[in-house]
Amino acid sequence: MPIPSPEASGRRHEPPTATGTTAPTGAGTAVPQPPSATGTTTDPVTTGTVTTVDIATTTVNTATTTLNTATKPRNEEAEARAALMRAADVGDPVMGRLVSQYGAQAAVEAIRERALPQEFVAKEAQRGEDALRRGQEPAKPSMPQTGHQYDQQPQAARQTPQAHEGRQITQDRQYQRPRPDLTARLNAWHARLAAANPAADLEAGEKAGARLIIPGSPEWPTQLDQLGPGRPLGLWLHGSADLRFSCLKSVAVVGARAATSYGNHIAAEFGVGLSEAGWTVVSGGAYGVDGAAHRGALAADSPTVAVLACGADVCYPAGHDTLFAAVRDQGVVVSECPPGVHPTRARFLIRNRLIAALSRGTVVVEAALRSGALNTATHALSLNRHLAAVPGPITSGMSAGCHRLLRERKAICVTSPEEMIDLVGVIGDDLARQARAPAVPRDKLNEPTRKVLDAIPTRGGAGPASIAVAAGVSLDAALSALGGLAAAGYIERATNGWRLRKESASYRKAPDSAFLEPPSTPEPAPLDDPPSPEDADPPHEMAPATWEDYR
């Protein structure tokens, strides 16, 4: 209902009649009303009181309509992107360029009408020609065919009368039929879009506890914008953690699925160390290194991000259903695939770009020469992110990929979580502590005393004069050093001079009954490591164990 204007000079301006004219009113004169929704007119209004109520009602309706208009575009944008996620393959750069130039809703309408804008087709054609000049296989469509319009356009749009020549030419050239390579892509989009039901996807995701975020959402990680045309149209999230906040300080830990015990141990150690330092672990949720890194982060009571190559509601691999449930409770599961989509080999490789883009840096724990982790490393290098690799045994084929990255100087060698934080962290705040060699008592000796100690024989003996000559010091300096070394327990007096003190370990002989009676203490588990020699009580602070410690 139109809103009547306020009274200006005591005379009321009436709304238009059904024929588009207005009728002046006086005392007792009926005011014709506009037609209703069914095409009939309402009863005439004869009093000003009813008119006042109509104004108030119309104002409320207008406010409600304004509110719906303000919230509706956001829902339409989410539904449009959800539909395009069904229509296009993940990471499709052509779809990414189409959406970035014309918007998601316009892209949906163009696909439904099978009509791409002429400017977009021309740019894709130029892109294909540039690829041909570089000697590469064109991944984009070539020159479009001109002069052919789609059959969906009306016949009047293809006619160009003289009176409207300029406008008709613009309409004629607005859409053009692309060449077969882009046409095939457009036909595939059209068929998938016809079968898509974005509203049902959003409703099903909401019931399952998942949510869809799109560029511009508060939870959207802005670092994904560096992917350019390969930026995902949207992300399905399932979990309690905030994705954007979790990825502010994050490290991607990737590696082989068929990881060795060494790789699983290092991945879990990195997961715990990074999480305890306040860094989020990002990985792919697969077997091997990915699963070990996620478990390490969960053990440290920190959020972790699992990026899947399938729908957020699909558990792949199936053996990680318990792990994914823990990640949803403590972290978040991320996927750019719609609900119910199962993984493929291509989706795994395309998924790796998200792992590299979400984090500040990537560390490859263990990877063979042909490994998906190296694909993630390539994405990290293309995004100018930090890349690190953990060295392994040179006899292990599962570490050959890491060694190649190190040999080609594409990655930095790291051996601990602290070194990885030093690489990706803030300069001056996240420095790793420098490792120092273990100190031995001999390090405290001065230079003359150390020379005298080197000149003392192990067997037999030597006098002070002979020791002074061999050490190249004076006799007084040799006598002073010998006294100090003897007091510290380094040397002892023999029958024919001075010699190094012998330290022999004494072992108590077990009684004969020990072979017949069971031991009194329980035996350690078969998997327990034997005690290290460093665990034993050290000898006297200044007394070395053997001469070999000081050679």
Protein backbone atom coordinates (compact mmCIF):
# COMPACT_ATOMS: atom_id res chain seq x y z
CA MET A 1 0.00 0.00 0.00
CA PRO A 2 1.47 3.42 -0.88
CA ILE A 3 2.21 5.79 1.98
CA PRO A 4 0.11 9.05 1.82
CA SER A 5 2.15 12.22 2.11
CA PRO A 6 1.58 14.42 5.21
CA GLU A 7 -0.93 17.29 5.04
CA ALA A 8 0.74 20.50 3.97
CA SER A 9 -2.00 23.15 3.99
CA GLY A 10 -5.04 21.48 5.55
CA ARG A 11 -5.85 19.59 2.39
CA ARG A 12 -5.06 15.90 2.15
CA HIS A 13 -3.29 14.40 -0.90
CA GLU A 14 -5.08 11.22 -1.84
CA PRO A 15 -3.44 8.04 -3.13
CA PRO A 16 -3.83 7.16 -6.81
CA THR A 17 -6.86 5.30 -7.94
CA ALA A 18 -6.86 2.02 -9.81
CA THR A 19 -6.48 3.93 -13.08
CA GLY A 20 -3.49 5.91 -11.87
CA THR A 21 -5.38 9.20 -11.10
CA THR A 22 -6.23 10.88 -7.82
CA ALA A 23 -9.59 12.21 -6.72
CA PRO A 24 -10.01 15.21 -4.42
CA THR A 25 -12.09 14.64 -1.36
CA GLY A 26 -14.39 16.76 0.71
CA ALA A 27 -16.77 16.21 3.59
CA GLY A 28 -18.46 12.89 3.06
CA THR A 29 -16.73 12.23 -0.26
CA ALA A 30 -15.44 8.70 -0.70
CA VAL A 31 -11.72 8.16 -1.47
CA PRO A 32 -11.05 5.49 -4.09
CA GLN A 33 -8.44 2.97 -2.94
CA PRO A 34 -5.78 1.22 -5.00
CA PRO A 35 -6.52 -2.29 -6.20
CA SER A 36 -5.89 -5.12 -3.81
CA ALA A 37 -3.73 -8.17 -4.44
CA THR A 38 -6.66 -9.96 -6.06
CA GLY A 39 -7.35 -7.16 -8.52
CA THR A 40 -10.43 -5.74 -6.71
CA THR A 41 -10.74 -2.42 -4.87
CA THR A 42 -11.37 -2.07 -1.19
CA ASP A 43 -14.19 -0.21 0.47
CA PRO A 44 -13.89 3.57 0.32
CA VAL A 45 -12.45 5.29 3.36
CA THR A 46 -14.54 8.24 4.55
CA THR A 47 -12.88 9.20 7.82
CA GLY A 48 -9.42 10.51 8.67
CA THR A 49 -9.09 8.13 11.61
CA VAL A 50 -8.86 5.07 9.41
CA THR A 51 -6.35 6.88 7.23
CA THR A 52 -4.11 7.46 10.25
CA VAL A 53 -4.20 3.75 11.12
CA ASP A 54 -3.31 2.89 7.52
CA ILE A 55 -0.28 5.20 7.69
CA ALA A 56 0.97 3.55 10.88
CA THR A 57 0.41 0.06 9.51
CA THR A 58 2.15 0.95 6.27
CA THR A 59 5.11 2.35 8.21
CA VAL A 60 5.47 -0.89 10.17
CA ASN A 61 5.25 -2.93 6.99
CA THR A 62 7.85 -0.72 5.36
CA ALA A 63 10.22 -1.16 8.30
CA THR A 64 9.76 -4.92 8.21
CA THR A 65 10.41 -4.97 4.47
CA THR A 66 13.58 -2.93 4.97
CA LEU A 67 14.81 -5.37 7.61
CA ASN A 68 14.13 -8.35 5.37
CA THR A 69 15.90 -6.62 2.52
CA ALA A 70 18.95 -6.02 4.71
CA THR A 71 19.24 -9.66 5.77
CA LYS A 72 18.18 -11.31 2.55
CA PRO A 73 21.25 -10.58 0.37
CA ARG A 74 23.51 -12.35 2.85
CA ASN A 75 21.35 -15.50 2.70
CA GLU A 76 21.18 -15.28 -1.07
CA GLU A 77 24.96 -14.91 -1.29
CA ALA A 78 25.48 -17.98 0.92
CA GLU A 79 22.96 -20.01 -1.09
CA ALA A 80 24.53 -18.88 -4.36
CA ARG A 81 28.00 -19.93 -3.22
CA ALA A 82 26.65 -23.22 -1.86
CA ALA A 83 25.10 -23.88 -5.27
CA LEU A 84 28.34 -23.03 -7.08
CA MET A 85 30.24 -25.37 -4.75
CA ARG A 86 28.01 -28.13 -6.11
CA ALA A 87 28.38 -27.00 -9.71
CA ALA A 88 32.14 -26.46 -10.01
CA ASP A 89 35.09 -28.61 -9.06
CA VAL A 90 37.03 -27.59 -5.97
CA GLY A 91 39.69 -25.04 -6.77
CA ASP A 92 38.37 -24.34 -10.29
CA PRO A 93 40.22 -21.14 -11.32
CA VAL A 94 37.74 -20.33 -14.10
CA MET A 95 34.86 -20.35 -11.65
CA GLY A 96 36.95 -18.34 -9.23
CA ARG A 97 37.55 -15.62 -11.81
CA LEU A 98 33.89 -15.59 -12.82
CA VAL A 99 32.73 -15.11 -9.24
CA SER A 100 35.38 -12.50 -8.42
CA GLN A 101 34.42 -10.39 -11.44
CA TYR A 102 30.62 -10.66 -11.43
CA GLY A 103 29.63 -12.04 -8.03
CA ALA A 104 28.19 -15.38 -7.00
CA GLN A 105 24.54 -14.57 -7.73
CA ALA A 106 25.29 -13.24 -11.21
CA ALA A 107 27.41 -16.32 -11.89
CA VAL A 108 24.51 -18.57 -10.92
CA GLU A 109 22.13 -16.74 -13.27
CA ALA A 110 24.65 -16.86 -16.11
CA ILE A 111 25.15 -20.60 -15.68
CA ARG A 112 21.42 -21.25 -15.55
CA GLU A 113 20.96 -19.30 -18.78
CA ARG A 114 24.13 -20.81 -20.29
CA ALA A 115 25.30 -17.32 -21.14
CA LEU A 116 28.70 -16.04 -20.09
CA PRO A 117 29.53 -12.33 -20.44
CA GLN A 118 31.47 -11.37 -23.56
CA GLU A 119 34.19 -9.62 -21.57
CA PHE A 120 34.82 -12.73 -19.48
CA VAL A 121 34.96 -14.99 -22.53
CA ALA A 122 37.38 -12.62 -24.25
CA LYS A 123 39.70 -12.57 -21.25
CA GLU A 124 39.69 -16.34 -21.02
CA ALA A 125 40.46 -16.52 -24.73
CA GLN A 126 43.40 -14.17 -24.33
CA ARG A 127 44.63 -16.22 -21.40
CA GLY A 128 44.56 -19.35 -23.55
CA GLU A 129 46.45 -17.65 -26.36
CA ASP A 130 49.12 -16.49 -23.91
CA ALA A 131 49.53 -20.05 -22.70
CA LEU A 132 49.96 -21.25 -26.26
CA ARG A 133 52.65 -18.66 -26.90
CA ARG A 134 54.55 -19.86 -23.85
CA GLY A 135 54.45 -23.37 -25.20
CA GLN A 136 52.17 -24.64 -22.46
CA GLU A 137 48.99 -26.58 -22.72
CA PRO A 138 46.14 -24.08 -22.50
CA ALA A 139 44.12 -24.70 -19.39
CA LYS A 140 41.67 -21.98 -20.31
CA PRO A 141 39.34 -21.57 -23.30
CA SER A 142 40.65 -20.16 -26.56
CA MET A 143 39.17 -17.51 -28.87
CA PRO A 144 35.36 -17.44 -28.72
CA GLN A 145 33.12 -17.64 -31.74
CA THR A 146 31.46 -14.33 -32.54
CA GLY A 147 28.08 -13.67 -34.10
CA HIS A 148 26.32 -16.58 -32.37
CA GLN A 149 23.88 -15.89 -29.61
CA TYR A 150 22.15 -18.31 -27.34
CA ASP A 151 18.77 -19.70 -28.26
CA GLN A 152 17.35 -18.58 -24.93
CA GLN A 153 17.48 -14.94 -26.01
CA PRO A 154 14.19 -13.66 -27.49
CA GLN A 155 13.92 -12.92 -31.17
CA ALA A 156 13.43 -9.22 -30.47
CA ALA A 157 16.80 -9.05 -28.74
CA ARG A 158 18.52 -10.21 -31.96
CA GLN A 159 16.85 -7.58 -34.12
CA THR A 160 18.45 -4.18 -34.45
CA PRO A 161 15.91 -1.53 -35.49
CA GLN A 162 17.32 1.78 -36.61
CA ALA A 163 15.65 3.67 -33.77
CA HIS A 164 17.32 1.49 -31.11
CA GLU A 165 20.44 0.46 -32.94
CA GLY A 166 22.92 1.31 -30.16
CA ARG A 167 20.97 -0.42 -27.42
CA GLN A 168 20.29 -3.52 -29.48
CA ILE A 169 23.94 -3.90 -30.50
CA THR A 170 24.90 -3.78 -26.83
CA GLN A 171 22.36 -6.48 -26.02
CA ASP A 172 23.53 -8.57 -28.97
CA ARG A 173 27.16 -8.49 -27.88
CA GLN A 174 26.56 -8.81 -24.17
CA TYR A 175 26.65 -12.61 -24.29
CA GLN A 176 28.57 -14.75 -26.76
CA ARG A 177 28.87 -18.46 -27.24
CA PRO A 178 32.32 -19.69 -26.14
CA ARG A 179 34.41 -22.27 -27.93
CA PRO A 180 33.85 -25.98 -27.22
CA ASP A 181 36.36 -26.22 -24.33
CA LEU A 182 34.61 -23.53 -22.30
CA THR A 183 31.26 -24.75 -23.56
CA ALA A 184 31.90 -28.20 -22.10
CA ARG A 185 32.79 -26.65 -18.78
CA LEU A 186 29.66 -24.49 -18.90
CA ASN A 187 27.48 -27.50 -19.74
CA ALA A 188 28.91 -29.40 -16.78
CA TRP A 189 28.22 -26.46 -14.48
CA HIS A 190 24.68 -26.20 -15.80
CA ALA A 191 23.92 -29.88 -15.28
CA ARG A 192 25.29 -29.91 -11.75
CA LEU A 193 23.58 -26.67 -10.84
CA ALA A 194 20.23 -28.02 -12.00
CA ALA A 195 20.58 -30.91 -9.53
CA ALA A 196 21.85 -28.77 -6.65
CA ASN A 197 19.70 -27.76 -3.70
CA PRO A 198 21.70 -25.20 -1.72
CA ALA A 199 18.90 -24.52 0.76
CA ALA A 200 18.81 -28.20 1.65
CA ASP A 201 22.61 -28.23 2.06
CA LEU A 202 22.51 -25.31 4.46
CA GLU A 203 19.66 -26.86 6.43
CA ALA A 204 21.35 -30.27 6.61
CA GLY A 205 24.63 -28.70 7.69
CA GLU A 206 22.91 -26.71 10.41
CA LYS A 207 21.20 -29.82 11.74
CA ALA A 208 24.52 -31.71 11.80
CA GLY A 209 26.26 -28.87 13.64
CA ALA A 210 28.24 -27.61 10.65
CA ARG A 211 28.31 -24.07 9.31
CA LEU A 212 29.18 -22.46 5.99
CA ILE A 213 31.48 -19.45 5.92
CA ILE A 214 32.12 -17.34 2.84
CA PRO A 215 34.55 -14.50 2.08
CA GLY A 216 33.56 -11.59 4.26
CA SER A 217 32.33 -13.71 7.16
CA PRO A 218 33.83 -12.91 10.58
CA GLU A 219 35.36 -16.39 10.74
CA TRP A 220 36.86 -16.29 7.23
CA PRO A 221 40.71 -16.48 7.25
CA THR A 222 41.91 -13.58 5.13
CA GLN A 223 45.16 -15.37 4.24
CA LEU A 224 43.14 -17.54 1.86
CA ASP A 225 42.79 -14.51 -0.41
CA GLN A 226 46.40 -15.10 -1.50
CA LEU A 227 45.19 -18.11 -3.47
CA GLY A 228 43.72 -15.76 -6.06
CA PRO A 229 41.34 -17.51 -8.48
CA GLY A 230 41.93 -20.75 -6.57
CA ARG A 231 40.41 -19.34 -3.41
CA PRO A 232 37.56 -21.56 -2.21
CA LEU A 233 34.03 -20.32 -2.80
CA GLY A 234 33.22 -21.19 0.79
CA LEU A 235 34.26 -23.47 3.63
CA TRP A 236 32.19 -25.92 5.60
CA LEU A 237 33.27 -25.98 9.26
CA HIS A 238 32.35 -28.49 11.93
CA GLY A 239 33.79 -27.91 15.35
CA SER A 240 33.95 -25.66 18.37
CA ALA A 241 37.07 -23.61 17.52
CA ASP A 242 37.08 -20.36 15.57
CA LEU A 243 38.94 -20.96 12.32
CA ARG A 244 40.24 -17.43 11.79
CA PHE A 245 41.47 -17.06 15.36
CA SER A 246 43.03 -20.53 15.38
CA CYS A 247 45.00 -19.87 12.19
CA LEU A 248 46.56 -16.60 13.37
CA LYS A 249 49.45 -18.63 14.83
CA SER A 250 49.48 -21.96 13.07
CA VAL A 251 51.95 -24.44 11.58
CA ALA A 252 51.14 -27.15 9.05
CA VAL A 253 52.61 -30.55 9.96
CA VAL A 254 52.49 -32.93 6.99
CA GLY A 255 54.11 -36.17 6.00
CA ALA A 256 53.70 -39.68 4.68
CA ARG A 257 50.67 -41.85 5.33
CA ALA A 258 52.80 -44.98 5.60
CA ALA A 259 55.02 -43.33 8.17
CA THR A 260 57.65 -45.19 10.14
CA SER A 261 57.82 -45.26 13.91
CA TYR A 262 60.40 -42.50 13.68
CA GLY A 263 58.03 -40.29 11.65
CA ASN A 264 55.07 -40.90 13.99
CA HIS A 265 57.22 -40.10 17.02
CA ILE A 266 58.56 -36.86 15.53
CA ALA A 267 55.09 -35.77 14.35
CA ALA A 268 53.59 -36.32 17.80
CA GLU A 269 56.51 -34.47 19.38
CA PHE A 270 55.95 -31.51 17.05
CA GLY A 271 52.22 -31.58 17.78
CA VAL A 272 52.77 -31.42 21.53
CA GLY A 273 55.59 -28.88 21.37
CA LEU A 274 53.80 -26.48 19.04
CA SER A 275 50.56 -26.67 20.99
CA GLU A 276 52.23 -26.07 24.34
CA ALA A 277 53.83 -22.94 22.87
CA GLY A 278 50.44 -21.60 21.75
CA TRP A 279 50.58 -22.58 18.07
CA THR A 280 47.78 -24.40 16.25
CA VAL A 281 48.58 -27.57 14.32
CA VAL A 282 47.05 -27.76 10.83
CA SER A 283 47.09 -31.07 8.98
CA GLY A 284 45.03 -33.31 6.72
CA GLY A 285 43.65 -35.90 9.13
CA ALA A 286 45.14 -38.85 7.21
CA TYR A 287 46.93 -41.89 8.55
CA GLY A 288 50.57 -41.62 9.56
CA VAL A 289 52.11 -38.21 10.20
CA ASP A 290 48.82 -36.27 9.99
CA GLY A 291 47.09 -38.37 12.62
CA ALA A 292 50.10 -38.34 14.94
CA ALA A 293 50.33 -34.53 14.73
CA HIS A 294 46.62 -34.14 15.53
CA ARG A 295 46.88 -36.52 18.49
CA GLY A 296 49.87 -34.63 19.83
CA ALA A 297 47.96 -31.35 19.70
CA LEU A 298 44.93 -32.90 21.38
CA ALA A 299 47.14 -34.34 24.10
CA ALA A 300 48.33 -30.79 24.88
CA ASP A 301 44.70 -29.59 25.22
CA SER A 302 45.03 -27.22 22.28
CA PRO A 303 42.81 -26.75 19.20
CA THR A 304 43.83 -28.36 15.95
CA VAL A 305 42.55 -27.91 12.39
CA ALA A 306 41.87 -30.91 10.14
CA VAL A 307 41.42 -30.05 6.44
CA LEU A 308 39.56 -32.83 4.63
CA ALA A 309 39.30 -33.75 0.96
CA CYS A 310 35.67 -34.82 1.40
CA GLY A 311 32.57 -33.41 2.99
CA ALA A 312 32.78 -32.29 6.59
CA ASP A 313 30.22 -34.95 7.48
CA VAL A 314 32.16 -37.78 5.80
CA CYS A 315 34.67 -39.69 7.91
CA TYR A 316 37.67 -40.53 5.74
CA PRO A 317 39.67 -42.50 6.60
CA ALA A 318 37.07 -44.51 8.46
CA GLY A 319 39.57 -45.56 11.10
CA HIS A 320 39.85 -41.95 12.28
CA ASP A 321 36.24 -41.54 13.36
CA THR A 322 37.28 -41.23 17.00
CA LEU A 323 40.03 -38.77 16.10
CA PHE A 324 37.67 -36.57 14.07
CA ALA A 325 35.16 -36.58 16.93
CA ALA A 326 37.90 -35.33 19.27
CA VAL A 327 38.94 -32.69 16.74
CA ARG A 328 35.35 -31.41 16.50
CA ASP A 329 35.13 -31.16 20.29
CA GLN A 330 38.47 -29.40 20.71
CA GLY A 331 39.24 -27.92 17.26
CA VAL A 332 37.53 -27.68 13.90
CA VAL A 333 37.15 -29.81 10.76
CA VAL A 334 37.39 -27.84 7.49
CA SER A 335 36.26 -28.79 3.99
CA GLU A 336 35.53 -26.92 0.78
CA CYS A 337 33.41 -29.83 -0.47
CA PRO A 338 29.64 -29.86 0.05
CA PRO A 339 28.16 -32.32 2.55
CA GLY A 340 28.14 -35.92 1.46
CA VAL A 341 30.97 -35.59 -1.09
CA HIS A 342 33.49 -38.45 -1.01
CA PRO A 343 37.23 -37.96 -1.59
CA THR A 344 39.09 -38.47 -4.86
CA ARG A 345 42.76 -38.36 -5.75
CA ALA A 346 42.39 -34.94 -7.36
CA ARG A 347 40.61 -33.53 -4.32
CA PHE A 348 43.48 -34.63 -2.06
CA LEU A 349 46.02 -32.74 -4.15
CA ILE A 350 43.83 -29.64 -4.42
CA ARG A 351 43.10 -29.79 -0.68
CA ASN A 352 46.81 -29.40 0.06
CA ARG A 353 46.78 -25.76 -1.03
CA LEU A 354 44.42 -24.95 1.85
CA ILE A 355 46.75 -26.58 4.37
CA ALA A 356 49.63 -24.46 3.10
CA ALA A 357 47.56 -21.25 2.90
CA LEU A 358 46.00 -21.47 6.35
CA SER A 359 49.33 -21.69 8.20
CA ARG A 360 52.37 -19.46 8.53
CA GLY A 361 54.71 -22.27 7.61
CA THR A 362 54.83 -25.95 6.71
CA VAL A 363 57.11 -28.64 8.10
CA VAL A 364 57.53 -31.94 6.26
CA VAL A 365 58.26 -34.61 8.85
CA GLU A 366 58.65 -37.62 6.59
CA ALA A 367 58.04 -37.98 2.86
CA ALA A 368 59.17 -40.24 0.06
CA LEU A 369 60.21 -38.96 -3.34
CA ARG A 370 56.61 -39.44 -4.53
CA SER A 371 54.46 -38.11 -1.72
CA GLY A 372 51.51 -35.80 -1.34
CA ALA A 373 53.43 -33.93 1.35
CA LEU A 374 55.79 -32.63 -1.34
CA ASN A 375 52.73 -31.24 -3.13
CA THR A 376 51.88 -29.29 0.01
CA ALA A 377 55.48 -28.07 0.14
CA THR A 378 55.16 -26.81 -3.45
CA HIS A 379 52.04 -24.83 -2.53
CA ALA A 380 53.83 -23.34 0.48
CA LEU A 381 56.70 -22.17 -1.71
CA SER A 382 54.31 -20.66 -4.27
CA LEU A 383 52.61 -18.70 -1.47
CA ASN A 384 55.98 -17.49 -0.10
CA ARG A 385 55.42 -19.31 3.17
CA HIS A 386 58.16 -20.80 5.32
CA LEU A 387 59.05 -24.40 4.49
CA ALA A 388 60.98 -26.73 6.79
CA ALA A 389 61.92 -30.41 6.68
CA VAL A 390 63.01 -32.88 9.32
CA PRO A 391 66.03 -35.01 8.35
CA GLY A 392 65.88 -38.74 8.77
CA PRO A 393 68.09 -41.79 8.25
CA ILE A 394 69.78 -41.76 4.87
CA THR A 395 68.90 -45.44 4.54
CA SER A 396 65.16 -44.73 4.86
CA GLY A 397 63.24 -44.17 1.64
CA MET A 398 60.49 -42.40 3.60
CA SER A 399 62.89 -39.52 4.29
CA ALA A 400 64.24 -39.20 0.73
CA GLY A 401 61.77 -36.41 -0.08
CA CYS A 402 62.83 -34.40 2.97
CA HIS A 403 66.50 -34.83 2.06
CA ARG A 404 65.86 -33.64 -1.48
CA LEU A 405 64.15 -30.49 -0.19
CA LEU A 406 67.14 -29.83 2.04
CA ARG A 407 69.71 -30.58 -0.66
CA GLU A 408 67.96 -28.26 -3.15
CA ARG A 409 67.78 -25.58 -0.43
CA LYS A 410 64.04 -25.28 -0.72
CA ALA A 411 63.49 -26.08 2.95
CA ILE A 412 65.17 -25.23 6.25
CA CYS A 413 66.38 -28.06 8.44
CA VAL A 414 64.54 -28.23 11.76
CA THR A 415 64.89 -30.86 14.47
CA SER A 416 62.58 -29.59 17.21
CA PRO A 417 59.37 -27.61 17.65
CA GLU A 418 61.38 -24.73 19.07
CA GLU A 419 63.35 -24.43 15.84
CA MET A 420 60.13 -24.41 13.82
CA ILE A 421 58.71 -21.62 15.99
CA ASP A 422 61.97 -19.74 15.54
CA LEU A 423 61.46 -19.98 11.77
CA VAL A 424 57.82 -18.84 11.58
CA GLY A 425 57.56 -16.73 14.72
CA VAL A 426 58.25 -13.10 15.50
CA ILE A 427 61.86 -11.99 15.22
CA GLY A 428 63.30 -11.50 18.70
CA ASP A 429 60.34 -13.02 20.56
CA ASP A 430 60.28 -16.64 19.35
CA LEU A 431 64.00 -17.39 19.23
CA ALA A 432 65.03 -20.96 19.86
CA ARG A 433 67.57 -21.62 22.57
CA GLN A 434 71.01 -22.41 21.22
CA ALA A 435 72.10 -25.96 21.99
CA ARG A 436 75.45 -26.25 23.75
CA ALA A 437 77.86 -29.14 23.97
CA PRO A 438 78.01 -30.91 27.37
CA ALA A 439 80.74 -29.60 29.62
CA VAL A 440 83.35 -31.95 31.15
CA PRO A 441 85.62 -31.24 34.11
CA ARG A 442 88.67 -30.93 31.87
CA ASP A 443 87.17 -27.80 30.29
CA LYS A 444 87.92 -25.94 33.53
CA LEU A 445 91.69 -26.56 33.31
CA ASN A 446 93.91 -23.76 32.12
CA GLU A 447 96.18 -24.13 29.11
CA PRO A 448 99.49 -25.07 30.90
CA THR A 449 97.74 -27.62 33.09
CA ARG A 450 95.99 -29.14 30.06
CA LYS A 451 99.36 -29.51 28.28
CA VAL A 452 100.89 -31.23 31.31
CA LEU A 453 97.92 -33.61 31.52
CA ASP A 454 98.35 -34.53 27.84
CA ALA A 455 102.06 -35.28 28.43
CA ILE A 456 101.51 -37.74 31.30
CA PRO A 457 101.69 -41.37 30.09
CA THR A 458 98.89 -43.84 30.61
CA ARG A 459 101.13 -46.76 31.49
CA GLY A 460 104.43 -46.83 33.30
CA GLY A 461 105.41 -43.42 34.55
CA ALA A 462 107.45 -40.31 33.83
CA GLY A 463 109.34 -37.84 35.99
CA PRO A 464 108.60 -34.13 36.25
CA ALA A 465 111.49 -33.17 33.99
CA SER A 466 110.38 -35.52 31.21
CA ILE A 467 106.78 -34.30 31.53
CA ALA A 468 107.89 -30.65 31.37
CA VAL A 469 109.89 -31.29 28.20
CA ALA A 470 107.02 -33.20 26.54
CA ALA A 471 104.51 -30.50 27.51
CA GLY A 472 106.76 -27.61 26.48
CA VAL A 473 106.50 -25.79 29.79
CA SER A 474 109.00 -24.90 32.49
CA LEU A 475 109.82 -27.27 35.33
CA ASP A 476 108.21 -24.99 37.90
CA ALA A 477 104.99 -24.86 35.85
CA ALA A 478 105.05 -28.64 35.46
CA LEU A 479 105.53 -29.22 39.21
CA SER A 480 102.68 -26.81 40.00
CA ALA A 481 100.38 -28.52 37.51
CA LEU A 482 101.26 -32.01 38.74
CA GLY A 483 100.32 -31.08 42.29
CA GLY A 484 96.95 -29.73 41.21
CA LEU A 485 96.19 -32.69 38.95
CA ALA A 486 97.08 -35.14 41.70
CA ALA A 487 94.83 -33.30 44.17
CA ALA A 488 91.96 -33.34 41.66
CA GLY A 489 92.36 -37.04 41.05
CA TYR A 490 93.51 -36.92 37.45
CA ILE A 491 96.94 -38.56 38.04
CA GLU A 492 98.64 -40.78 40.59
CA ARG A 493 102.22 -41.44 41.63
CA ALA A 494 103.85 -44.62 40.35
CA THR A 495 107.16 -46.27 41.21
CA ASN A 496 108.95 -44.52 38.36
CA GLY A 497 107.09 -41.20 38.23
CA TRP A 498 103.58 -39.95 37.42
CA ARG A 499 100.87 -41.66 35.38
CA LEU A 500 97.18 -41.21 34.67
CA ARG A 501 94.88 -42.52 37.33
CA LYS A 502 93.13 -45.73 36.38
CA GLU A 503 89.39 -45.88 36.94
CA SER A 504 88.03 -49.41 36.54
CA ALA A 505 84.36 -50.15 37.04
CA SER A 506 83.79 -52.87 39.59
CA TYR A 507 80.86 -55.24 39.18
CA ARG A 508 79.57 -57.33 42.03
CA LYS A 509 79.47 -61.02 41.25
CA ALA A 510 76.02 -62.51 41.41
CA PRO A 511 75.58 -65.50 43.69
CA ASP A 512 75.17 -68.92 42.22
CA SER A 513 71.59 -69.10 43.52
CA ALA A 514 70.66 -66.16 41.30
CA PHE A 515 70.45 -68.47 38.31
CA LEU A 516 67.99 -70.74 40.12
CA GLU A 517 65.78 -68.31 42.01
CA PRO A 518 63.49 -65.77 40.29
CA PRO A 519 64.50 -62.16 40.62
CA SER A 520 63.00 -60.21 43.47
CA THR A 521 62.28 -57.12 41.37
CA PRO A 522 59.85 -57.18 38.40
CA GLU A 523 61.40 -57.23 34.98
CA PRO A 524 60.83 -54.22 32.71
CA ALA A 525 58.40 -54.44 29.83
CA PRO A 526 59.89 -55.77 26.57
CA LEU A 527 59.29 -52.42 24.87
CA ASP A 528 61.00 -50.39 27.59
CA ASP A 529 64.35 -48.95 26.62
CA PRO A 530 67.38 -50.04 28.67
CA PRO A 531 68.72 -47.46 31.10
CA SER A 532 71.14 -44.96 29.64
CA PRO A 533 74.73 -44.82 30.96
CA GLU A 534 74.04 -41.19 31.87
CA ASP A 535 71.42 -42.37 34.39
CA ALA A 536 74.08 -43.94 36.58
CA ASP A 537 75.66 -42.01 39.43
CA PRO A 538 78.59 -40.01 38.09
CA PRO A 539 82.04 -40.34 39.64
CA HIS A 540 83.76 -37.62 41.59
CA GLU A 541 83.16 -34.18 40.12
CA MET A 542 86.77 -33.70 39.08
CA ALA A 543 87.72 -37.30 38.44
CA PRO A 544 87.31 -38.63 34.86
CA ALA A 545 86.03 -42.14 34.24
CA THR A 546 88.72 -43.14 31.76
CA TRP A 547 91.45 -41.56 29.72
CA GLU A 548 89.26 -41.79 26.62
CA ASP A 549 87.09 -38.95 27.95
CA TYR A 550 89.99 -36.53 27.62
CA ARG A 551 91.61 -37.53 24.38
